[in-house]
């Protein structure tokens, strides 16, 4: 596989990525800092995966949403702001 970059499909891999990016940026955190805080909360994740989640290239498991919400100091439902069916 010559080009291993993820390709955007018609459907996004997750709905919370843009909200995670917005909340992270509002705190002045880098993706690396968010990844470190997530690791300290018990979620095994790297900066690259955070970037892919924020760009909606990577699926996020339901059980991981808890960690993102806790680390960002918001309710889990706050990660779905702006989501419409």
C-alpha atoms as a PDB file:
ATOM      1  CA  UNK A   1       0.000   0.000   0.000  1.00  0.00           C
ATOM      2  CA  UNK A   2       1.838   3.072  -1.240  1.00  0.00           C
ATOM      3  CA  UNK A   3      -0.381   5.657   0.434  1.00  0.00           C
ATOM      4  CA  UNK A   4      -1.375   4.669   3.971  1.00  0.00           C
ATOM      5  CA  UNK A   5      -3.208   7.919   4.739  1.00  0.00           C
ATOM      6  CA  UNK A   6      -6.848   7.420   5.707  1.00  0.00           C
ATOM      7  CA  UNK A   7      -9.315   8.467   3.055  1.00  0.00           C
ATOM      8  CA  UNK A   8     -12.467  10.373   3.840  1.00  0.00           C
ATOM      9  CA  UNK A   9     -15.529   8.425   2.855  1.00  0.00           C
ATOM     10  CA  UNK A  10     -19.045   9.670   2.238  1.00  0.00           C
ATOM     11  CA  UNK A  11     -19.879   9.046   5.901  1.00  0.00           C
ATOM     12  CA  UNK A  12     -17.782  10.276   8.791  1.00  0.00           C
ATOM     13  CA  UNK A  13     -16.282   7.702  11.115  1.00  0.00           C
ATOM     14  CA  UNK A  14     -17.625   9.579  14.172  1.00  0.00           C
ATOM     15  CA  UNK A  15     -19.779  12.556  15.115  1.00  0.00           C
ATOM     16  CA  UNK A  16     -17.843  13.852  18.117  1.00  0.00           C
ATOM     17  CA  UNK A  17     -14.518  14.692  16.464  1.00  0.00           C
ATOM     18  CA  UNK A  18     -15.189  18.365  15.673  1.00  0.00           C
ATOM     19  CA  UNK A  19     -16.542  18.975  19.170  1.00  0.00           C
ATOM     20  CA  UNK A  20     -13.501  17.307  20.747  1.00  0.00           C
ATOM     21  CA  UNK A  21     -11.247  19.530  18.614  1.00  0.00           C
ATOM     22  CA  UNK A  22     -13.174  22.657  19.625  1.00  0.00           C
ATOM     23  CA  UNK A  23     -13.099  21.816  23.340  1.00  0.00           C
ATOM     24  CA  UNK A  24      -9.397  20.905  23.223  1.00  0.00           C
ATOM     25  CA  UNK A  25      -8.479  24.115  21.415  1.00  0.00           C
ATOM     26  CA  UNK A  26     -10.583  26.204  23.828  1.00  0.00           C
ATOM     27  CA  UNK A  27      -8.383  24.900  26.640  1.00  0.00           C
ATOM     28  CA  UNK A  28      -5.202  25.703  24.734  1.00  0.00           C
ATOM     29  CA  UNK A  29      -4.152  22.051  24.678  1.00  0.00           C
ATOM     30  CA  UNK A  30      -2.225  20.366  21.916  1.00  0.00           C
ATOM     31  CA  UNK A  31      -3.329  16.988  20.631  1.00  0.00           C
ATOM     32  CA  UNK A  32      -0.316  15.515  22.434  1.00  0.00           C
ATOM     33  CA  UNK A  33      -1.427  17.067  25.732  1.00  0.00           C
ATOM     34  CA  UNK A  34      -4.957  15.710  25.306  1.00  0.00           C
ATOM     35  CA  UNK A  35      -3.553  12.259  24.486  1.00  0.00           C
ATOM     36  CA  UNK A  36      -1.379  12.378  27.615  1.00  0.00           C
ATOM     37  CA  UNK A  37      -4.327  13.367  29.815  1.00  0.00           C
ATOM     38  CA  UNK A  38      -6.399  10.572  28.277  1.00  0.00           C
ATOM     39  CA  UNK A  39      -3.587   8.110  28.972  1.00  0.00           C
ATOM     40  CA  UNK A  40      -3.452   9.252  32.591  1.00  0.00           C
ATOM     41  CA  UNK A  41      -7.220   8.680  32.838  1.00  0.00           C
ATOM     42  CA  UNK A  42      -6.757   5.074  31.698  1.00  0.00           C
ATOM     43  CA  UNK A  43      -7.330   5.277  27.938  1.00  0.00           C
ATOM     44  CA  UNK A  44      -4.475   3.881  25.839  1.00  0.00           C
ATOM     45  CA  UNK A  45      -4.352   6.381  22.956  1.00  0.00           C
ATOM     46  CA  UNK A  46      -1.707   8.209  20.950  1.00  0.00           C
ATOM     47  CA  UNK A  47      -1.655  11.724  19.517  1.00  0.00           C
ATOM     48  CA  UNK A  48      -2.129  10.397  15.990  1.00  0.00           C
ATOM     49  CA  UNK A  49      -5.361   8.676  16.949  1.00  0.00           C
ATOM     50  CA  UNK A  50      -6.610  11.888  18.593  1.00  0.00           C
ATOM     51  CA  UNK A  51      -5.894  13.683  15.299  1.00  0.00           C
ATOM     52  CA  UNK A  52      -7.781  11.041  13.334  1.00  0.00           C
ATOM     53  CA  UNK A  53     -10.749  11.213  15.726  1.00  0.00           C
ATOM     54  CA  UNK A  54     -10.865  15.008  15.455  1.00  0.00           C
ATOM     55  CA  UNK A  55     -10.747  14.733  11.649  1.00  0.00           C
ATOM     56  CA  UNK A  56     -13.518  12.107  11.733  1.00  0.00           C
ATOM     57  CA  UNK A  57     -11.310   9.461  10.108  1.00  0.00           C
ATOM     58  CA  UNK A  58     -11.204   7.167  13.144  1.00  0.00           C
ATOM     59  CA  UNK A  59     -14.132   5.512  14.900  1.00  0.00           C
ATOM     60  CA  UNK A  60     -14.404   6.178  18.600  1.00  0.00           C
ATOM     61  CA  UNK A  61     -15.782   3.463  20.821  1.00  0.00           C
ATOM     62  CA  UNK A  62     -18.719   4.368  23.007  1.00  0.00           C
ATOM     63  CA  UNK A  63     -16.786   3.416  26.128  1.00  0.00           C
ATOM     64  CA  UNK A  64     -14.023   5.894  25.188  1.00  0.00           C
ATOM     65  CA  UNK A  65     -16.414   8.843  25.027  1.00  0.00           C
ATOM     66  CA  UNK A  66     -16.496   8.743  28.832  1.00  0.00           C
ATOM     67  CA  UNK A  67     -12.738   9.368  28.983  1.00  0.00           C
ATOM     68  CA  UNK A  68     -12.870  12.264  26.521  1.00  0.00           C
ATOM     69  CA  UNK A  69     -15.739  13.911  28.409  1.00  0.00           C
ATOM     70  CA  UNK A  70     -14.062  13.442  31.796  1.00  0.00           C
ATOM     71  CA  UNK A  71     -10.697  14.787  30.667  1.00  0.00           C
ATOM     72  CA  UNK A  72     -12.302  17.751  28.875  1.00  0.00           C
ATOM     73  CA  UNK A  73     -14.515  18.464  31.902  1.00  0.00           C
ATOM     74  CA  UNK A  74     -17.845  18.179  30.099  1.00  0.00           C
ATOM     75  CA  UNK A  75     -20.829  15.846  30.062  1.00  0.00           C
ATOM     76  CA  UNK A  76     -20.784  13.047  27.512  1.00  0.00           C
ATOM     77  CA  UNK A  77     -23.830  14.579  25.832  1.00  0.00           C
ATOM     78  CA  UNK A  78     -21.861  17.814  25.321  1.00  0.00           C
ATOM     79  CA  UNK A  79     -19.678  16.000  22.805  1.00  0.00           C
ATOM     80  CA  UNK A  80     -22.739  15.569  20.566  1.00  0.00           C
ATOM     81  CA  UNK A  81     -23.672  19.274  20.388  1.00  0.00           C
ATOM     82  CA  UNK A  82     -24.813  20.147  16.892  1.00  0.00           C
ATOM     83  CA  UNK A  83     -25.476  16.517  15.995  1.00  0.00           C
ATOM     84  CA  UNK A  84     -28.718  16.064  14.107  1.00  0.00           C
ATOM     85  CA  UNK A  85     -30.257  12.817  12.971  1.00  0.00           C
END
